[in-house]
Amino acid sequence: MKFNKFENSYNIIGNKLKLVRENQNISQEKLSNQLALLGITLYQSDIFKIEHNQRTVRDFELWGIYSVLKIKAEDLFEPDIKKSN
């Protein structure tokens, strides 16, 4: 299956996810384990790929990430996305 990319990335939350996760001192493995408790299977390697913009993110995965990290959706989206005029 082919996915569209934005500026050669599969998602736009990866950089912010890594920053927020590290600021909360949560490892990729711990995030994965906490997501599993919600019924969401995201392996440590999946989180690595998301953080390095190499994997898309499903809406229910985003919901789980927000829930585990106790953040709002907008906290992961870059506020300065380049817009063409």
N, C-alpha and C. Protein backbone atom coordinates (compact mmCIF):
# COMPACT_ATOMS: atom_id res chain seq x y z
N MET A 1 0.85 -1.17 0.00
CA MET A 1 0.00 0.00 0.00
C MET A 1 0.89 1.23 0.00
N LYS A 2 0.59 2.16 -0.87
CA LYS A 2 1.37 3.39 -0.97
C LYS A 2 0.70 4.51 -0.19
N PHE A 3 1.49 5.24 0.60
CA PHE A 3 0.98 6.35 1.38
C PHE A 3 1.54 7.66 0.83
N ASN A 4 0.74 8.68 0.93
CA ASN A 4 1.21 10.01 0.57
C ASN A 4 2.15 10.51 1.65
N LYS A 5 3.07 11.37 1.26
CA LYS A 5 4.00 11.96 2.20
C LYS A 5 3.82 13.48 2.22
N PHE A 6 4.17 14.08 3.34
CA PHE A 6 4.18 15.53 3.47
C PHE A 6 5.63 15.92 3.73
N GLU A 7 6.20 16.67 2.82
CA GLU A 7 7.61 17.08 2.93
C GLU A 7 8.51 15.87 3.22
N ASN A 8 8.27 14.79 2.49
CA ASN A 8 9.03 13.55 2.55
C ASN A 8 8.92 12.82 3.89
N SER A 9 7.84 13.06 4.64
CA SER A 9 7.61 12.38 5.91
C SER A 9 6.24 11.70 5.90
N TYR A 10 6.12 10.60 6.63
CA TYR A 10 4.85 9.89 6.73
C TYR A 10 3.93 10.46 7.79
N ASN A 11 4.44 11.35 8.64
CA ASN A 11 3.60 12.01 9.64
C ASN A 11 4.24 13.35 10.01
N ILE A 12 3.49 14.17 10.74
CA ILE A 12 4.04 15.47 11.16
C ILE A 12 4.18 15.58 12.68
N ILE A 13 3.91 14.48 13.39
CA ILE A 13 3.97 14.54 14.85
C ILE A 13 5.23 13.93 15.44
N GLY A 14 6.02 13.25 14.64
CA GLY A 14 7.15 12.48 15.15
C GLY A 14 8.11 13.25 16.02
N ASN A 15 8.55 14.40 15.54
CA ASN A 15 9.52 15.20 16.30
C ASN A 15 8.95 15.65 17.64
N LYS A 16 7.72 16.12 17.62
CA LYS A 16 7.08 16.58 18.86
C LYS A 16 6.82 15.41 19.81
N LEU A 17 6.42 14.26 19.26
CA LEU A 17 6.18 13.09 20.11
C LEU A 17 7.44 12.73 20.87
N LYS A 18 8.55 12.69 20.18
CA LYS A 18 9.82 12.35 20.84
C LYS A 18 10.15 13.37 21.93
N LEU A 19 9.99 14.64 21.64
CA LEU A 19 10.28 15.70 22.60
C LEU A 19 9.40 15.58 23.84
N VAL A 20 8.10 15.43 23.64
CA VAL A 20 7.17 15.32 24.77
C VAL A 20 7.47 14.06 25.58
N ARG A 21 7.67 12.95 24.90
CA ARG A 21 7.94 11.69 25.58
C ARG A 21 9.22 11.79 26.42
N GLU A 22 10.27 12.34 25.84
CA GLU A 22 11.53 12.47 26.57
C GLU A 22 11.41 13.46 27.72
N ASN A 23 10.66 14.54 27.54
CA ASN A 23 10.45 15.51 28.62
C ASN A 23 9.72 14.89 29.81
N GLN A 24 8.91 13.87 29.54
CA GLN A 24 8.20 13.18 30.60
C GLN A 24 8.97 11.96 31.12
N ASN A 25 10.19 11.78 30.62
CA ASN A 25 11.03 10.65 31.02
C ASN A 25 10.35 9.30 30.82
N ILE A 26 9.69 9.17 29.67
CA ILE A 26 9.02 7.92 29.31
C ILE A 26 9.77 7.30 28.14
N SER A 27 10.20 6.07 28.31
CA SER A 27 10.90 5.39 27.23
C SER A 27 9.91 4.94 26.16
N GLN A 28 10.42 4.63 25.00
CA GLN A 28 9.56 4.09 23.93
C GLN A 28 8.92 2.80 24.39
N GLU A 29 9.66 1.98 25.10
CA GLU A 29 9.13 0.70 25.58
C GLU A 29 8.01 0.92 26.59
N LYS A 30 8.20 1.88 27.50
CA LYS A 30 7.15 2.16 28.49
C LYS A 30 5.90 2.71 27.81
N LEU A 31 6.07 3.58 26.83
CA LEU A 31 4.92 4.10 26.09
C LEU A 31 4.20 2.95 25.41
N SER A 32 4.94 2.05 24.80
CA SER A 32 4.36 0.88 24.15
C SER A 32 3.56 0.04 25.14
N ASN A 33 4.12 -0.19 26.33
CA ASN A 33 3.44 -0.99 27.35
C ASN A 33 2.16 -0.30 27.84
N GLN A 34 2.22 1.00 28.02
CA GLN A 34 1.03 1.75 28.47
C GLN A 34 -0.07 1.74 27.40
N LEU A 35 0.33 1.82 26.14
CA LEU A 35 -0.64 1.74 25.05
C LEU A 35 -1.29 0.36 25.01
N ALA A 36 -0.51 -0.67 25.29
CA ALA A 36 -1.05 -2.04 25.30
C ALA A 36 -2.16 -2.18 26.34
N LEU A 37 -2.03 -1.48 27.47
CA LEU A 37 -3.06 -1.53 28.49
C LEU A 37 -4.38 -0.94 27.99
N LEU A 38 -4.29 -0.07 26.99
CA LEU A 38 -5.49 0.51 26.37
C LEU A 38 -5.98 -0.33 25.19
N GLY A 39 -5.29 -1.43 24.90
CA GLY A 39 -5.67 -2.28 23.78
C GLY A 39 -5.08 -1.85 22.45
N ILE A 40 -4.06 -1.00 22.50
CA ILE A 40 -3.43 -0.48 21.28
C ILE A 40 -2.05 -1.10 21.15
N THR A 41 -1.83 -1.83 20.07
CA THR A 41 -0.55 -2.47 19.85
C THR A 41 0.35 -1.57 19.02
N LEU A 42 1.30 -0.96 19.67
CA LEU A 42 2.36 -0.19 19.02
C LEU A 42 3.65 -0.66 19.68
N TYR A 43 4.44 -1.38 18.93
CA TYR A 43 5.70 -1.87 19.46
C TYR A 43 6.71 -0.73 19.59
N GLN A 44 7.76 -0.96 20.35
CA GLN A 44 8.81 0.03 20.51
C GLN A 44 9.35 0.44 19.15
N SER A 45 9.50 -0.52 18.25
CA SER A 45 10.01 -0.22 16.91
C SER A 45 9.04 0.66 16.12
N ASP A 46 7.73 0.50 16.35
CA ASP A 46 6.73 1.35 15.70
C ASP A 46 6.86 2.79 16.19
N ILE A 47 7.05 2.95 17.49
CA ILE A 47 7.20 4.29 18.06
C ILE A 47 8.46 4.95 17.52
N PHE A 48 9.54 4.18 17.41
CA PHE A 48 10.78 4.69 16.81
C PHE A 48 10.51 5.19 15.39
N LYS A 49 9.80 4.41 14.60
CA LYS A 49 9.50 4.79 13.22
C LYS A 49 8.62 6.03 13.16
N ILE A 50 7.66 6.13 14.06
CA ILE A 50 6.80 7.32 14.10
C ILE A 50 7.65 8.55 14.43
N GLU A 51 8.50 8.42 15.44
CA GLU A 51 9.32 9.55 15.86
C GLU A 51 10.33 9.97 14.80
N HIS A 52 10.67 9.07 13.91
CA HIS A 52 11.60 9.38 12.82
C HIS A 52 10.87 9.56 11.49
N ASN A 53 9.57 9.81 11.58
CA ASN A 53 8.71 10.12 10.43
C ASN A 53 8.77 9.06 9.34
N GLN A 54 8.91 7.79 9.74
CA GLN A 54 9.00 6.69 8.80
C GLN A 54 7.75 5.83 8.80
N ARG A 55 6.72 6.22 9.57
CA ARG A 55 5.49 5.43 9.69
C ARG A 55 4.31 6.37 9.87
N THR A 56 3.20 5.99 9.27
CA THR A 56 1.98 6.76 9.48
C THR A 56 1.41 6.45 10.87
N VAL A 57 0.48 7.27 11.31
CA VAL A 57 -0.14 7.10 12.62
C VAL A 57 -1.65 7.04 12.42
N ARG A 58 -2.28 6.03 12.97
CA ARG A 58 -3.73 5.88 12.87
C ARG A 58 -4.40 6.74 13.95
N ASP A 59 -5.65 7.09 13.72
CA ASP A 59 -6.33 7.97 14.66
C ASP A 59 -6.44 7.35 16.05
N PHE A 60 -6.71 6.07 16.15
CA PHE A 60 -6.82 5.46 17.47
C PHE A 60 -5.45 5.38 18.16
N GLU A 61 -4.38 5.30 17.38
CA GLU A 61 -3.04 5.34 17.97
C GLU A 61 -2.76 6.72 18.55
N LEU A 62 -3.16 7.76 17.81
CA LEU A 62 -3.02 9.13 18.32
C LEU A 62 -3.80 9.31 19.61
N TRP A 63 -5.02 8.80 19.63
CA TRP A 63 -5.84 8.91 20.83
C TRP A 63 -5.13 8.25 22.01
N GLY A 64 -4.55 7.08 21.80
CA GLY A 64 -3.83 6.39 22.85
C GLY A 64 -2.62 7.16 23.33
N ILE A 65 -1.88 7.72 22.39
CA ILE A 65 -0.69 8.51 22.73
C ILE A 65 -1.10 9.71 23.58
N TYR A 66 -2.16 10.42 23.17
CA TYR A 66 -2.64 11.57 23.94
C TYR A 66 -3.03 11.13 25.34
N SER A 67 -3.72 9.99 25.43
CA SER A 67 -4.20 9.51 26.72
C SER A 67 -3.06 9.14 27.65
N VAL A 68 -2.09 8.41 27.14
CA VAL A 68 -0.97 7.97 27.97
C VAL A 68 -0.12 9.15 28.41
N LEU A 69 0.18 10.06 27.48
CA LEU A 69 1.04 11.20 27.80
C LEU A 69 0.29 12.33 28.49
N LYS A 70 -1.03 12.22 28.57
CA LYS A 70 -1.89 13.23 29.20
C LYS A 70 -1.67 14.61 28.58
N ILE A 71 -1.79 14.64 27.25
CA ILE A 71 -1.63 15.88 26.51
C ILE A 71 -2.83 16.07 25.61
N LYS A 72 -2.93 17.24 25.01
CA LYS A 72 -3.98 17.55 24.05
C LYS A 72 -3.47 17.25 22.65
N ALA A 73 -4.37 17.02 21.74
CA ALA A 73 -4.00 16.69 20.36
C ALA A 73 -3.07 17.74 19.77
N GLU A 74 -3.39 19.00 19.98
CA GLU A 74 -2.60 20.07 19.37
C GLU A 74 -1.17 20.15 19.90
N ASP A 75 -0.91 19.50 21.03
CA ASP A 75 0.43 19.51 21.59
C ASP A 75 1.45 18.80 20.70
N LEU A 76 0.99 17.90 19.83
CA LEU A 76 1.91 17.16 18.97
C LEU A 76 2.06 17.74 17.58
N PHE A 77 1.22 18.68 17.22
CA PHE A 77 1.29 19.23 15.88
C PHE A 77 2.16 20.47 15.85
N GLU A 78 3.04 20.52 14.89
CA GLU A 78 3.96 21.65 14.74
C GLU A 78 3.17 22.94 14.51
N PRO A 79 3.44 23.96 15.29
CA PRO A 79 2.71 25.22 15.12
C PRO A 79 3.20 26.03 13.92
N ASP A 80 4.36 25.70 13.39
CA ASP A 80 4.95 26.51 12.34
C ASP A 80 5.08 25.75 11.01
N ILE A 81 4.03 25.02 10.65
CA ILE A 81 4.03 24.31 9.37
C ILE A 81 4.16 25.34 8.25
N LYS A 82 5.08 25.10 7.35
CA LYS A 82 5.30 26.04 6.25
C LYS A 82 4.09 26.04 5.33
N LYS A 83 3.62 27.22 5.03
CA LYS A 83 2.49 27.38 4.13
C LYS A 83 2.96 28.13 2.90
N SER A 84 2.53 27.64 1.76
CA SER A 84 2.90 28.37 0.53
C SER A 84 1.89 29.47 0.28
N ASN A 85 2.39 30.64 -0.05
CA ASN A 85 1.52 31.80 -0.28
C ASN A 85 1.16 31.93 -1.74
